[in-house]
Amino acid sequence: GRTYGELIVLMTPSVILFGAGAIPAGWLGDRWSARGTLIIM
């Protein structure tokens, strides 16, 4: 029961986290395990 505009905006946190998780993920890949981090992915 929502319009396109009301529903498409639900994707905003997904896009933010798509970027926000990149630095901690990069740190884990460099300092812990690239394989282990990709398994989590």
Full PDB file with SEQRES, HELIX, SHEET, SSBOND, CRYST1, ORIGX, SCALE, CONECT and MASTER records, all heavy atoms in Angstrom:
SEQRES   1 A   41  GLY ARG THR TYR GLY GLU LEU ILE VAL LEU MET THR PRO          
SEQRES   2 A   41  SER VAL ILE LEU PHE GLY ALA GLY ALA ILE PRO ALA GLY          
SEQRES   3 A   41  TRP LEU GLY ASP ARG TRP SER ALA ARG GLY THR LEU ILE          
SEQRES   4 A   41  ILE MET                                                      
HELIX    1 AA1 TYR A    4  ILE A    8  1                                   5    
HELIX    2 AA2 VAL A    9  MET A   11  5                                   3    
HELIX    3 AA3 THR A   12  ALA A   20  1                                   9    
HELIX    4 AA4 ALA A   22  ARG A   31  1                                  10    
HELIX    5 AA5 ALA A   34  ILE A   40  1                                   7    
CRYST1    1.000    1.000    1.000  90.00  90.00  90.00 P 1           1          
ORIGX1      1.000000  0.000000  0.000000        0.00000                         
ORIGX2      0.000000  1.000000  0.000000        0.00000                         
ORIGX3      0.000000  0.000000  1.000000        0.00000                         
SCALE1      1.000000  0.000000  0.000000        0.00000                         
SCALE2      0.000000  1.000000  0.000000        0.00000                         
SCALE3      0.000000  0.000000  1.000000        0.00000                         
ATOM      1  N   GLY A   1       0.802  -1.215   0.000  1.00  0.00           N  
ATOM      2  CA  GLY A   1       0.000   0.000   0.000  1.00  0.00           C  
ATOM      3  C   GLY A   1       0.837   1.268   0.000  1.00  0.00           C  
ATOM      4  O   GLY A   1       0.451   2.274   0.603  1.00  0.00           O  
ATOM      5  N   ARG A   2       1.982   1.240  -0.672  1.00  0.00           N  
ATOM      6  CA  ARG A   2       2.885   2.397  -0.737  1.00  0.00           C  
ATOM      7  C   ARG A   2       3.162   2.757  -2.192  1.00  0.00           C  
ATOM      8  O   ARG A   2       3.068   1.916  -3.088  1.00  0.00           O  
ATOM      9  CB  ARG A   2       4.220   2.095  -0.034  1.00  0.00           C  
ATOM     10  CG  ARG A   2       4.102   1.668   1.421  1.00  0.00           C  
ATOM     11  CD  ARG A   2       3.678   2.805   2.323  1.00  0.00           C  
ATOM     12  NE  ARG A   2       3.563   2.386   3.708  1.00  0.00           N  
ATOM     13  CZ  ARG A   2       4.566   2.427   4.588  1.00  0.00           C  
ATOM     14  NH1 ARG A   2       5.761   2.849   4.210  1.00  0.00           N  
ATOM     15  NH2 ARG A   2       4.376   2.044   5.844  1.00  0.00           N  
ATOM     16  N   THR A   3       3.524   4.026  -2.419  1.00  0.00           N  
ATOM     17  CA  THR A   3       3.879   4.476  -3.765  1.00  0.00           C  
ATOM     18  C   THR A   3       5.323   4.095  -4.082  1.00  0.00           C  
ATOM     19  O   THR A   3       6.095   3.715  -3.193  1.00  0.00           O  
ATOM     20  CB  THR A   3       3.738   6.001  -3.881  1.00  0.00           C  
ATOM     21  OG1 THR A   3       4.709   6.628  -3.024  1.00  0.00           O  
ATOM     22  CG2 THR A   3       2.337   6.457  -3.485  1.00  0.00           C  
ATOM     23  N   TYR A   4       5.689   4.235  -5.349  1.00  0.00           N  
ATOM     24  CA  TYR A   4       7.072   3.969  -5.766  1.00  0.00           C  
ATOM     25  C   TYR A   4       8.053   4.835  -4.986  1.00  0.00           C  
ATOM     26  O   TYR A   4       9.081   4.341  -4.491  1.00  0.00           O  
ATOM     27  CB  TYR A   4       7.226   4.226  -7.268  1.00  0.00           C  
ATOM     28  CG  TYR A   4       8.669   4.213  -7.744  1.00  0.00           C  
ATOM     29  CD1 TYR A   4       9.338   3.020  -7.973  1.00  0.00           C  
ATOM     30  CD2 TYR A   4       9.367   5.407  -7.955  1.00  0.00           C  
ATOM     31  CE1 TYR A   4      10.657   3.000  -8.403  1.00  0.00           C  
ATOM     32  CE2 TYR A   4      10.690   5.399  -8.391  1.00  0.00           C  
ATOM     33  CZ  TYR A   4      11.324   4.196  -8.613  1.00  0.00           C  
ATOM     34  OH  TYR A   4      12.631   4.198  -9.033  1.00  0.00           O  
ATOM     35  N   GLY A   5       7.746   6.124  -4.855  1.00  0.00           N  
ATOM     36  CA  GLY A   5       8.642   7.027  -4.128  1.00  0.00           C  
ATOM     37  C   GLY A   5       8.833   6.617  -2.682  1.00  0.00           C  
ATOM     38  O   GLY A   5       9.934   6.711  -2.130  1.00  0.00           O  
ATOM     39  N   GLU A   6       7.756   6.143  -2.033  1.00  0.00           N  
ATOM     40  CA  GLU A   6       7.845   5.717  -0.637  1.00  0.00           C  
ATOM     41  C   GLU A   6       8.619   4.414  -0.481  1.00  0.00           C  
ATOM     42  O   GLU A   6       9.286   4.207   0.539  1.00  0.00           O  
ATOM     43  CB  GLU A   6       6.428   5.549  -0.064  1.00  0.00           C  
ATOM     44  CG  GLU A   6       5.666   6.853   0.085  1.00  0.00           C  
ATOM     45  CD  GLU A   6       4.205   6.634   0.452  1.00  0.00           C  
ATOM     46  OE1 GLU A   6       3.625   5.616   0.001  1.00  0.00           O  
ATOM     47  OE2 GLU A   6       3.641   7.481   1.174  1.00  0.00           O  
ATOM     48  N   LEU A   7       8.545   3.543  -1.465  1.00  0.00           N  
ATOM     49  CA  LEU A   7       9.226   2.259  -1.367  1.00  0.00           C  
ATOM     50  C   LEU A   7      10.682   2.315  -1.814  1.00  0.00           C  
ATOM     51  O   LEU A   7      11.548   1.694  -1.203  1.00  0.00           O  
ATOM     52  CB  LEU A   7       8.476   1.208  -2.189  1.00  0.00           C  
ATOM     53  CG  LEU A   7       7.150   0.712  -1.611  1.00  0.00           C  
ATOM     54  CD1 LEU A   7       6.447  -0.214  -2.584  1.00  0.00           C  
ATOM     55  CD2 LEU A   7       7.362   0.004  -0.271  1.00  0.00           C  
ATOM     56  N   ILE A   8      10.989   3.053  -2.877  1.00  0.00           N  
ATOM     57  CA  ILE A   8      12.371   3.067  -3.377  1.00  0.00           C  
ATOM     58  C   ILE A   8      13.310   3.678  -2.348  1.00  0.00           C  
ATOM     59  O   ILE A   8      14.490   3.305  -2.258  1.00  0.00           O  
ATOM     60  CB  ILE A   8      12.472   3.822  -4.723  1.00  0.00           C  
ATOM     61  CG1 ILE A   8      13.821   3.547  -5.395  1.00  0.00           C  
ATOM     62  CG2 ILE A   8      12.270   5.319  -4.533  1.00  0.00           C  
ATOM     63  CD1 ILE A   8      14.063   2.134  -5.788  1.00  0.00           C  
ATOM     64  N   VAL A   9      12.802   4.589  -1.507  1.00  0.00           N  
ATOM     65  CA  VAL A   9      13.659   5.225  -0.512  1.00  0.00           C  
ATOM     66  C   VAL A   9      14.097   4.241   0.571  1.00  0.00           C  
ATOM     67  O   VAL A   9      15.077   4.495   1.292  1.00  0.00           O  
ATOM     68  CB  VAL A   9      12.945   6.444   0.105  1.00  0.00           C  
ATOM     69  CG1 VAL A   9      11.910   6.025   1.148  1.00  0.00           C  
ATOM     70  CG2 VAL A   9      13.934   7.449   0.672  1.00  0.00           C  
ATOM     71  N   LEU A  10      13.420   3.085   0.696  1.00  0.00           N  
ATOM     72  CA  LEU A  10      13.833   2.068   1.664  1.00  0.00           C  
ATOM     73  C   LEU A  10      15.221   1.522   1.351  1.00  0.00           C  
ATOM     74  O   LEU A  10      15.871   0.918   2.208  1.00  0.00           O  
ATOM     75  CB  LEU A  10      12.832   0.902   1.683  1.00  0.00           C  
ATOM     76  CG  LEU A  10      11.417   1.199   2.180  1.00  0.00           C  
ATOM     77  CD1 LEU A  10      10.542  -0.035   2.017  1.00  0.00           C  
ATOM     78  CD2 LEU A  10      11.445   1.651   3.632  1.00  0.00           C  
ATOM     79  N   MET A  11      15.690   1.748   0.123  1.00  0.00           N  
ATOM     80  CA  MET A  11      17.006   1.255  -0.284  1.00  0.00           C  
ATOM     81  C   MET A  11      18.143   2.142   0.242  1.00  0.00           C  
ATOM     82  O   MET A  11      19.307   1.748   0.179  1.00  0.00           O  
ATOM     83  CB  MET A  11      17.056   1.191  -1.814  1.00  0.00           C  
ATOM     84  CG  MET A  11      18.241   0.451  -2.385  1.00  0.00           C  
ATOM     85  SD  MET A  11      18.140   0.364  -4.201  1.00  0.00           S  
ATOM     86  CE  MET A  11      19.710  -0.459  -4.559  1.00  0.00           C  
ATOM     87  N   THR A  12      17.825   3.333   0.759  1.00  0.00           N  
ATOM     88  CA  THR A  12      18.861   4.283   1.182  1.00  0.00           C  
ATOM     89  C   THR A  12      19.829   3.689   2.206  1.00  0.00           C  
ATOM     90  O   THR A  12      21.054   3.787   2.030  1.00  0.00           O  
ATOM     91  CB  THR A  12      18.220   5.574   1.724  1.00  0.00           C  
ATOM     92  OG1 THR A  12      17.355   6.117   0.731  1.00  0.00           O  
ATOM     93  CG2 THR A  12      19.286   6.601   2.080  1.00  0.00           C  
ATOM     94  N   PRO A  13      19.361   3.076   3.320  1.00  0.00           N  
ATOM     95  CA  PRO A  13      20.329   2.501   4.272  1.00  0.00           C  
ATOM     96  C   PRO A  13      21.213   1.433   3.638  1.00  0.00           C  
ATOM     97  O   PRO A  13      22.388   1.307   3.995  1.00  0.00           O  
ATOM     98  CB  PRO A  13      19.432   1.900   5.370  1.00  0.00           C  
ATOM     99  CG  PRO A  13      18.151   2.651   5.273  1.00  0.00           C  
ATOM    100  CD  PRO A  13      17.973   2.936   3.812  1.00  0.00           C  
ATOM    101  N   SER A  14      20.662   0.670   2.692  1.00  0.00           N  
ATOM    102  CA  SER A  14      21.454  -0.353   2.017  1.00  0.00           C  
ATOM    103  C   SER A  14      22.623   0.267   1.266  1.00  0.00           C  
ATOM    104  O   SER A  14      23.759  -0.201   1.341  1.00  0.00           O  
ATOM    105  CB  SER A  14      20.567  -1.141   1.041  1.00  0.00           C  
ATOM    106  OG  SER A  14      21.316  -2.091   0.323  1.00  0.00           O  
ATOM    107  N   VAL A  15      22.354   1.350   0.550  1.00  0.00           N  
ATOM    108  CA  VAL A  15      23.404   2.009  -0.221  1.00  0.00           C  
ATOM    109  C   VAL A  15      24.436   2.643   0.704  1.00  0.00           C  
ATOM    110  O   VAL A  15      25.645   2.601   0.445  1.00  0.00           O  
ATOM    111  CB  VAL A  15      22.787   3.059  -1.162  1.00  0.00           C  
ATOM    112  CG1 VAL A  15      23.870   3.808  -1.923  1.00  0.00           C  
ATOM    113  CG2 VAL A  15      21.825   2.391  -2.139  1.00  0.00           C  
ATOM    114  N   ILE A  16      23.975   3.234   1.819  1.00  0.00           N  
ATOM    115  CA  ILE A  16      24.903   3.840   2.786  1.00  0.00           C  
ATOM    116  C   ILE A  16      25.830   2.771   3.369  1.00  0.00           C  
ATOM    117  O   ILE A  16      27.051   2.950   3.436  1.00  0.00           O  
ATOM    118  CB  ILE A  16      24.129   4.563   3.904  1.00  0.00           C  
ATOM    119  CG1 ILE A  16      23.407   5.792   3.330  1.00  0.00           C  
ATOM    120  CG2 ILE A  16      25.079   4.979   5.026  1.00  0.00           C  
ATOM    121  CD1 ILE A  16      22.494   6.473   4.320  1.00  0.00           C  
ATOM    122  N   LEU A  17      25.260   1.651   3.796  1.00  0.00           N  
ATOM    123  CA  LEU A  17      26.068   0.581   4.382  1.00  0.00           C  
ATOM    124  C   LEU A  17      26.964  -0.081   3.354  1.00  0.00           C  
ATOM    125  O   LEU A  17      28.043  -0.594   3.689  1.00  0.00           O  
ATOM    126  CB  LEU A  17      25.162  -0.461   5.038  1.00  0.00           C  
ATOM    127  CG  LEU A  17      24.471   0.001   6.318  1.00  0.00           C  
ATOM    128  CD1 LEU A  17      23.436  -1.020   6.783  1.00  0.00           C  
ATOM    129  CD2 LEU A  17      25.496   0.255   7.418  1.00  0.00           C  
ATOM    130  N   PHE A  18      26.547  -0.080   2.089  1.00  0.00           N  
ATOM    131  CA  PHE A  18      27.367  -0.595   0.994  1.00  0.00           C  
ATOM    132  C   PHE A  18      28.710   0.125   0.961  1.00  0.00           C  
ATOM    133  O   PHE A  18      29.743  -0.459   0.637  1.00  0.00           O  
ATOM    134  CB  PHE A  18      26.600  -0.380  -0.315  1.00  0.00           C  
ATOM    135  CG  PHE A  18      27.178  -1.100  -1.511  1.00  0.00           C  
ATOM    136  CD1 PHE A  18      27.718  -2.370  -1.405  1.00  0.00           C  
ATOM    137  CD2 PHE A  18      27.136  -0.506  -2.762  1.00  0.00           C  
ATOM    138  CE1 PHE A  18      28.214  -3.038  -2.517  1.00  0.00           C  
ATOM    139  CE2 PHE A  18      27.632  -1.159  -3.882  1.00  0.00           C  
ATOM    140  CZ  PHE A  18      28.171  -2.421  -3.761  1.00  0.00           C  
ATOM    141  N   GLY A  19      28.693   1.406   1.336  1.00  0.00           N  
ATOM    142  CA  GLY A  19      29.941   2.162   1.417  1.00  0.00           C  
ATOM    143  C   GLY A  19      30.558   2.170   2.801  1.00  0.00           C  
ATOM    144  O   GLY A  19      31.770   2.031   2.960  1.00  0.00           O  
ATOM    145  N   ALA A  20      29.714   2.313   3.838  1.00  0.00           N  
ATOM    146  CA  ALA A  20      30.225   2.460   5.205  1.00  0.00           C  
ATOM    147  C   ALA A  20      30.989   1.225   5.670  1.00  0.00           C  
ATOM    148  O   ALA A  20      31.920   1.329   6.480  1.00  0.00           O  
ATOM    149  CB  ALA A  20      29.068   2.744   6.167  1.00  0.00           C  
ATOM    150  N   GLY A  21      30.623   0.060   5.172  1.00  0.00           N  
ATOM    151  CA  GLY A  21      31.320  -1.151   5.588  1.00  0.00           C  
ATOM    152  C   GLY A  21      32.640  -1.369   4.879  1.00  0.00           C  
ATOM    153  O   GLY A  21      33.392  -2.293   5.230  1.00  0.00           O  
ATOM    154  N   ALA A  22      32.957  -0.529   3.894  1.00  0.00           N  
ATOM    155  CA  ALA A  22      34.133  -0.790   3.057  1.00  0.00           C  
ATOM    156  C   ALA A  22      35.452  -0.649   3.816  1.00  0.00           C  
ATOM    157  O   ALA A  22      36.357  -1.474   3.640  1.00  0.00           O  
ATOM    158  CB  ALA A  22      34.122   0.154   1.848  1.00  0.00           C  
ATOM    159  N   ILE A  23      35.590   0.384   4.649  1.00  0.00           N  
ATOM    160  CA  ILE A  23      36.864   0.584   5.347  1.00  0.00           C  
ATOM    161  C   ILE A  23      37.119  -0.509   6.383  1.00  0.00           C  
ATOM    162  O   ILE A  23      38.209  -1.094   6.410  1.00  0.00           O  
ATOM    163  CB  ILE A  23      36.939   1.993   5.963  1.00  0.00           C  
ATOM    164  CG1 ILE A  23      37.134   3.019   4.832  1.00  0.00           C  
ATOM    165  CG2 ILE A  23      38.072   2.082   6.987  1.00  0.00           C  
ATOM    166  CD1 ILE A  23      37.295   4.435   5.308  1.00  0.00           C  
ATOM    167  N   PRO A  24      36.145  -0.838   7.265  1.00  0.00           N  
ATOM    168  CA  PRO A  24      36.410  -1.974   8.169  1.00  0.00           C  
ATOM    169  C   PRO A  24      36.639  -3.278   7.426  1.00  0.00           C  
ATOM    170  O   PRO A  24      37.462  -4.103   7.843  1.00  0.00           O  
ATOM    171  CB  PRO A  24      35.162  -2.038   9.064  1.00  0.00           C  
ATOM    172  CG  PRO A  24      34.141  -1.192   8.410  1.00  0.00           C  
ATOM    173  CD  PRO A  24      34.882  -0.162   7.619  1.00  0.00           C  
ATOM    174  N   ALA A  25      35.936  -3.482   6.310  1.00  0.00           N  
ATOM    175  CA  ALA A  25      36.173  -4.693   5.523  1.00  0.00           C  
ATOM    176  C   ALA A  25      37.584  -4.697   4.955  1.00  0.00           C  
ATOM    177  O   ALA A  25      38.271  -5.723   4.962  1.00  0.00           O  
ATOM    178  CB  ALA A  25      35.141  -4.797   4.393  1.00  0.00           C  
ATOM    179  N   GLY A  26      38.035  -3.536   4.454  1.00  0.00           N  
ATOM    180  CA  GLY A  26      39.400  -3.437   3.938  1.00  0.00           C  
ATOM    181  C   GLY A  26      40.432  -3.693   5.016  1.00  0.00           C  
ATOM    182  O   GLY A  26      41.457  -4.347   4.771  1.00  0.00           O  
ATOM    183  N   TRP A  27      40.171  -3.187   6.220  1.00  0.00           N  
ATOM    184  CA  TRP A  27      41.090  -3.408   7.341  1.00  0.00           C  
ATOM    185  C   TRP A  27      41.169  -4.899   7.672  1.00  0.00           C  
ATOM    186  O   TRP A  27      42.261  -5.444   7.880  1.00  0.00           O  
ATOM    187  CB  TRP A  27      40.630  -2.617   8.555  1.00  0.00           C  
ATOM    188  CG  TRP A  27      41.573  -2.703   9.725  1.00  0.00           C  
ATOM    189  CD1 TRP A  27      42.636  -1.887   9.990  1.00  0.00           C  
ATOM    190  CD2 TRP A  27      41.528  -3.669  10.794  1.00  0.00           C  
ATOM    191  NE1 TRP A  27      43.263  -2.290  11.150  1.00  0.00           N  
ATOM    192  CE2 TRP A  27      42.611  -3.379  11.661  1.00  0.00           C  
ATOM    193  CE3 TRP A  27      40.699  -4.739  11.090  1.00  0.00           C  
ATOM    194  CZ2 TRP A  27      42.857  -4.119  12.801  1.00  0.00           C  
ATOM    195  CZ3 TRP A  27      40.951  -5.491  12.227  1.00  0.00           C  
ATOM    196  CH2 TRP A  27      42.019  -5.167  13.069  1.00  0.00           C  
ATOM    197  N   LEU A  28      40.006  -5.566   7.702  1.00  0.00           N  
ATOM    198  CA  LEU A  28      40.000  -7.005   7.974  1.00  0.00           C  
ATOM    199  C   LEU A  28      40.750  -7.770   6.885  1.00  0.00           C  
ATOM    200  O   LEU A  28      41.489  -8.708   7.171  1.00  0.00           O  
ATOM    201  CB  LEU A  28      38.558  -7.514   8.057  1.00  0.00           C  
ATOM    202  CG  LEU A  28      37.787  -7.217   9.348  1.00  0.00           C  
ATOM    203  CD1 LEU A  28      36.335  -7.654   9.197  1.00  0.00           C  
ATOM    204  CD2 LEU A  28      38.434  -7.909  10.540  1.00  0.00           C  
ATOM    205  N   GLY A  29      40.548  -7.367   5.638  1.00  0.00           N  
ATOM    206  CA  GLY A  29      41.219  -8.045   4.546  1.00  0.00           C  
ATOM    207  C   GLY A  29      42.728  -7.886   4.599  1.00  0.00           C  
ATOM    208  O   GLY A  29      43.477  -8.824   4.287  1.00  0.00           O  
ATOM    209  N   ASP A  30      43.197  -6.680   4.982  1.00  0.00           N  
ATOM    210  CA  ASP A  30      44.637  -6.416   5.070  1.00  0.00           C  
ATOM    211  C   ASP A  30      45.263  -7.030   6.315  1.00  0.00           C  
ATOM    212  O   ASP A  30      46.363  -7.581   6.273  1.00  0.00           O  
ATOM    213  CB  ASP A  30      44.899  -4.902   5.083  1.00  0.00           C  
ATOM    214  CG  ASP A  30      44.907  -4.293   3.686  1.00  0.00           C  
ATOM    215  OD1 ASP A  30      45.124  -5.039   2.715  1.00  0.00           O  
ATOM    216  OD2 ASP A  30      44.697  -3.072   3.574  1.00  0.00           O  
ATOM    217  N   ARG A  31      44.590  -6.923   7.459  1.00  0.00           N  
ATOM    218  CA  ARG A  31      45.198  -7.261   8.739  1.00  0.00           C  
ATOM    219  C   ARG A  31      44.804  -8.633   9.279  1.00  0.00           C  
ATOM    220  O   ARG A  31      45.530  -9.205  10.077  1.00  0.00           O  
ATOM    221  CB  ARG A  31      44.825  -6.183   9.782  1.00  0.00           C  
ATOM    222  CG  ARG A  31      45.268  -4.784   9.413  1.00  0.00           C  
ATOM    223  CD  ARG A  31      46.789  -4.672   9.355  1.00  0.00           C  
ATOM    224  NE  ARG A  31      47.387  -4.939  10.649  1.00  0.00           N  
ATOM    225  CZ  ARG A  31      47.561  -4.021  11.600  1.00  0.00           C  
ATOM    226  NH1 ARG A  31      47.174  -2.767  11.392  1.00  0.00           N  
ATOM    227  NH2 ARG A  31      48.109  -4.339  12.739  1.00  0.00           N  
ATOM    228  N   TRP A  32      43.650  -9.152   8.879  1.00  0.00           N  
ATOM    229  CA  TRP A  32      43.213 -10.449   9.389  1.00  0.00           C  
ATOM    230  C   TRP A  32      43.321 -11.509   8.292  1.00  0.00           C  
ATOM    231  O   TRP A  32      44.313 -12.233   8.223  1.00  0.00           O  
ATOM    232  CB  TRP A  32      41.770 -10.371   9.922  1.00  0.00           C  
ATOM    233  CG  TRP A  32      41.202 -11.704  10.323  1.00  0.00           C  
ATOM    234  CD1 TRP A  32      41.757 -12.613  11.182  1.00  0.00           C  
ATOM    235  CD2 TRP A  32      39.978 -12.293   9.844  1.00  0.00           C  
ATOM    236  NE1 TRP A  32      40.949 -13.737  11.275  1.00  0.00           N  
ATOM    237  CE2 TRP A  32      39.855 -13.563  10.478  1.00  0.00           C  
ATOM    238  CE3 TRP A  32      38.986 -11.872   8.971  1.00  0.00           C  
ATOM    239  CZ2 TRP A  32      38.757 -14.409  10.242  1.00  0.00           C  
ATOM    240  CZ3 TRP A  32      37.899 -12.706   8.736  1.00  0.00           C  
ATOM    241  CH2 TRP A  32      37.801 -13.959   9.373  1.00  0.00           C  
ATOM    242  N   SER A  33      42.327 -11.607   7.418  1.00  0.00           N  
ATOM    243  CA  SER A  33      42.320 -12.675   6.410  1.00  0.00           C  
ATOM    244  C   SER A  33      41.419 -12.277   5.256  1.00  0.00           C  
ATOM    245  O   SER A  33      40.211 -12.061   5.451  1.00  0.00           O  
ATOM    246  CB  SER A  33      41.828 -13.982   7.031  1.00  0.00           C  
ATOM    247  OG  SER A  33      41.509 -14.933   6.029  1.00  0.00           O  
ATOM    248  N   ALA A  34      41.990 -12.205   4.056  1.00  0.00           N  
ATOM    249  CA  ALA A  34      41.172 -11.918   2.878  1.00  0.00           C  
ATOM    250  C   ALA A  34      40.190 -13.065   2.633  1.00  0.00           C  
ATOM    251  O   ALA A  34      39.020 -12.847   2.311  1.00  0.00           O  
ATOM    252  CB  ALA A  34      42.062 -11.704   1.659  1.00  0.00           C  
ATOM    253  N   ARG A  35      40.659 -14.299   2.797  1.00  0.00           N  
ATOM    254  CA  ARG A  35      39.786 -15.456   2.587  1.00  0.00           C  
ATOM    255  C   ARG A  35      38.632 -15.459   3.585  1.00  0.00           C  
ATOM    256  O   ARG A  35      37.459 -15.647   3.211  1.00  0.00           O  
ATOM    257  CB  ARG A  35      40.580 -16.753   2.715  1.00  0.00           C  
ATOM    258  CG  ARG A  35      39.745 -18.026   2.547  1.00  0.00           C  
ATOM    259  CD  ARG A  35      40.607 -19.277   2.666  1.00  0.00           C  
ATOM    260  NE  ARG A  35      39.813 -20.496   2.493  1.00  0.00           N  
ATOM    261  CZ  ARG A  35      39.226 -21.145   3.478  1.00  0.00           C  
ATOM    262  NH1 ARG A  35      39.336 -20.692   4.729  1.00  0.00           N  
ATOM    263  NH2 ARG A  35      38.522 -22.250   3.237  1.00  0.00           N  
ATOM    264  N   GLY A  36      38.945 -15.265   4.865  1.00  0.00           N  
ATOM    265  CA  GLY A  36      37.902 -15.267   5.882  1.00  0.00           C  
ATOM    266  C   GLY A  36      36.885 -14.163   5.661  1.00  0.00           C  
ATOM    267  O   GLY A  36      35.673 -14.362   5.853  1.00  0.00           O  
ATOM    268  N   THR A  37      37.349 -12.989   5.237  1.00  0.00           N  
ATOM    269  CA  THR A  37      36.439 -11.877   5.005  1.00  0.00           C  
ATOM    270  C   THR A  37      35.523 -12.166   3.822  1.00  0.00           C  
ATOM    271  O   THR A  37      34.328 -11.841   3.861  1.00  0.00           O  
ATOM    272  CB  THR A  37      37.241 -10.582   4.757  1.00  0.00           C  
ATOM    273  OG1 THR A  37      38.215 -10.418   5.789  1.00  0.00           O  
ATOM    274  CG2 THR A  37      36.332  -9.371   4.769  1.00  0.00           C  
ATOM    275  N   LEU A  38      36.062 -12.791   2.778  1.00  0.00           N  
ATOM    276  CA  LEU A  38      35.222 -13.122   1.624  1.00  0.00           C  
ATOM    277  C   LEU A  38      34.228 -14.238   1.939  1.00  0.00           C  
ATOM    278  O   LEU A  38      33.123 -14.262   1.392  1.00  0.00           O  
ATOM    279  CB  LEU A  38      36.107 -13.506   0.433  1.00  0.00           C  
ATOM    280  CG  LEU A  38      36.900 -12.345  -0.188  1.00  0.00           C  
ATOM    281  CD1 LEU A  38      37.838 -12.858  -1.269  1.00  0.00           C  
ATOM    282  CD2 LEU A  38      35.967 -11.283  -0.754  1.00  0.00           C  
ATOM    283  N   ILE A  39      34.593 -15.156   2.829  1.00  0.00           N  
ATOM    284  CA  ILE A  39      33.637 -16.176   3.270  1.00  0.00           C  
ATOM    285  C   ILE A  39      32.448 -15.507   3.956  1.00  0.00           C  
ATOM    286  O   ILE A  39      31.274 -15.850   3.706  1.00  0.00           O  
ATOM    287  CB  ILE A  39      34.321 -17.190   4.209  1.00  0.00           C  
ATOM    288  CG1 ILE A  39      35.279 -18.085   3.416  1.00  0.00           C  
ATOM    289  CG2 ILE A  39      33.271 -18.044   4.927  1.00  0.00           C  
ATOM    290  CD1 ILE A  39      36.119 -18.996   4.285  1.00  0.00           C  
ATOM    291  N   ILE A  40      32.743 -14.542   4.831  1.00  0.00           N  
ATOM    292  CA  ILE A  40      31.665 -13.791   5.497  1.00  0.00           C  
ATOM    293  C   ILE A  40      30.775 -13.122   4.465  1.00  0.00           C  
ATOM    294  O   ILE A  40      29.542 -13.091   4.588  1.00  0.00           O  
ATOM    295  CB  ILE A  40      32.263 -12.759   6.467  1.00  0.00           C  
ATOM    296  CG1 ILE A  40      32.952 -13.466   7.639  1.00  0.00           C  
ATOM    297  CG2 ILE A  40      31.178 -11.811   6.981  1.00  0.00           C  
ATOM    298  CD1 ILE A  40      33.734 -12.540   8.540  1.00  0.00           C  
ATOM    299  N   MET A  41      31.393 -12.571   3.415  1.00  0.00           N  
ATOM    300  CA  MET A  41      30.624 -11.889   2.380  1.00  0.00           C  
ATOM    301  C   MET A  41      29.648 -12.830   1.688  1.00  0.00           C  
ATOM    302  O   MET A  41      28.449 -12.541   1.591  1.00  0.00           O  
ATOM    303  CB  MET A  41      31.559 -11.277   1.339  1.00  0.00           C  
ATOM    304  CG  MET A  41      30.830 -10.501   0.238  1.00  0.00           C  
ATOM    305  SD  MET A  41      31.714 -10.422  -1.325  1.00  0.00           S  
ATOM    306  CE  MET A  41      31.451 -12.079  -1.978  1.00  0.00           C  
TER     307      MET A  41                                                      
MASTER        0    0    0    5    0    0    0    6  306    1    0    4          
END                                                                             
